[in-house]
Protein backbone atom coordinates (compact mmCIF):
# COMPACT_ATOMS: atom_id res chain seq x y z
CA MET A 1 -0.11 0.02 0.05
CA THR A 2 1.09 3.49 -0.77
CA GLY A 3 -0.21 5.14 2.33
CA GLU A 4 -1.39 7.97 0.33
CA MET A 5 -5.10 8.68 0.52
CA ARG A 6 -6.94 10.27 -2.28
CA GLU A 7 -10.26 12.23 -1.68
CA ILE A 8 -13.20 10.49 -2.84
CA PRO A 9 -15.62 13.07 -4.16
CA ILE A 10 -19.05 13.11 -2.21
CA GLY A 11 -21.45 15.90 -3.47
CA GLU A 12 -24.17 17.77 -1.68
CA LYS A 13 -26.76 15.86 -3.50
CA LEU A 14 -25.50 12.50 -2.34
CA MET A 15 -25.19 13.88 1.20
CA LYS A 16 -28.83 15.17 1.17
CA ARG A 17 -29.84 11.58 -0.21
CA LEU A 18 -28.04 9.76 2.45
CA ALA A 19 -29.58 11.88 5.22
CA ARG A 20 -33.09 11.36 3.76
CA LEU A 21 -32.35 7.48 3.48
CA ALA A 22 -31.17 7.54 7.12
CA SER A 23 -34.16 9.54 8.23
CA ILE A 24 -32.07 12.16 9.81
CA GLU A 25 -31.71 15.86 9.46
CA LEU A 26 -28.37 17.51 9.18
CA SER A 27 -27.27 20.96 9.43
CA PRO A 28 -24.91 22.29 6.71
CA GLN A 29 -22.01 22.09 9.18
CA GLU A 30 -22.97 18.41 10.09
CA ARG A 31 -23.04 17.51 6.39
CA LYS A 32 -19.54 19.04 5.96
CA SER A 33 -18.27 17.09 8.90
CA LEU A 34 -19.84 13.80 7.79
CA ARG A 35 -18.75 14.30 4.32
CA ALA A 36 -15.18 14.47 5.38
CA ASP A 37 -15.74 11.34 7.48
CA LEU A 38 -17.08 9.47 4.60
CA GLN A 39 -14.36 10.60 2.31
CA GLU A 40 -11.95 9.35 4.71
CA ILE A 41 -13.65 5.94 5.16
CA LEU A 42 -13.97 5.52 1.30
CA SER A 43 -10.17 6.22 0.84
CA TYR A 44 -9.20 3.83 3.37
CA VAL A 45 -11.45 1.16 1.78
CA GLU A 46 -9.90 1.92 -1.67
CA ARG A 47 -6.45 1.50 -0.03
CA LEU A 48 -7.50 -1.84 1.12
CA GLY A 49 -8.08 -2.90 -2.32
CA GLU A 50 -4.45 -2.19 -3.14
CA LEU A 51 -3.26 -5.13 -0.53
CA SER A 52 -1.76 -8.27 -2.16
CA LEU A 53 -3.79 -11.29 -1.38
CA ASP A 54 -1.67 -13.87 -2.76
CA GLY A 55 -1.50 -16.89 -0.80
CA ILE A 56 -4.37 -16.04 1.47
CA ASP A 57 -7.37 -18.71 1.73
CA ALA A 58 -10.34 -17.17 0.11
CA SER A 59 -12.48 -18.75 2.89
CA GLY A 60 -11.04 -16.08 5.26
CA SER A 61 -11.26 -18.42 8.21
CA ARG A 62 -9.01 -21.16 9.62
CA MET A 63 -11.83 -22.30 11.98
CA GLN A 64 -13.42 -25.49 11.07
CA ALA A 65 -17.14 -25.11 10.18
CA GLY A 66 -19.87 -26.34 12.53
CA SER A 67 -21.73 -25.17 15.50
CA VAL A 68 -19.86 -24.05 18.70
CA THR A 69 -23.01 -24.22 20.76
CA GLY A 70 -24.04 -27.89 20.13
CA PRO A 71 -26.54 -29.65 17.92
CA ASP A 72 -29.63 -27.83 16.82
CA VAL A 73 -32.47 -29.98 18.23
CA PRO A 74 -36.11 -29.07 17.51
CA ARG A 75 -38.09 -28.43 20.55
CA PRO A 76 -41.94 -27.59 20.82
CA GLY A 77 -42.65 -23.84 20.66
CA LEU A 78 -44.92 -21.69 22.51
CA GLY A 79 -48.63 -22.08 21.71
CA ARG A 80 -50.38 -19.04 20.36
CA GLN A 81 -52.07 -18.27 23.67
CA ALA A 82 -48.94 -18.42 25.53
CA ALA A 83 -47.03 -16.10 23.06
CA LEU A 84 -49.74 -13.62 23.14
CA GLY A 85 -50.21 -13.88 26.77
CA ASN A 86 -48.35 -10.67 27.73
CA ALA A 87 -48.65 -8.71 24.54
CA PRO A 88 -49.86 -5.18 24.97
CA ASP A 89 -52.05 -5.15 21.97
CA ILE A 90 -53.40 -8.03 19.86
CA HIS A 91 -55.24 -7.78 16.64
CA GLY A 92 -56.73 -10.88 14.79
CA GLY A 93 -54.72 -13.30 16.81
CA PHE A 94 -51.41 -11.41 16.04
CA PHE A 95 -49.05 -9.05 17.88
CA LYS A 96 -50.13 -5.43 16.98
CA ALA A 97 -47.30 -2.75 17.06
CA PRO A 98 -47.39 0.95 16.49
CA PRO A 99 -45.99 2.08 13.21
CA ILE A 100 -42.30 3.15 13.78
CA ILE A 101 -41.65 4.80 10.26
CA GLU A 102 -44.01 7.50 9.32
CA ARG A 103 -43.74 9.15 5.91
């Protein structure tokens, strides 16, 4: 790796779109600060692409595959009444929850 980080251009349009997708409001100063952080992150990721991976196992892990917690054994689940027993709101035999995203 060269150690040199080049600036990845992130425009105002992209910053506004990211804020909208994240459902957050950013002041111009916050967008400027976040843009600098994102540029630094993207530059670092670009530098990772320069690494030589010759001789590195593609699996990325030397651990043996398998469960470390034990076998997956099916067990009977809760019945509907037991599962809904402490629910604050039920509708038609299902949990009812308030909307979390309002647009």
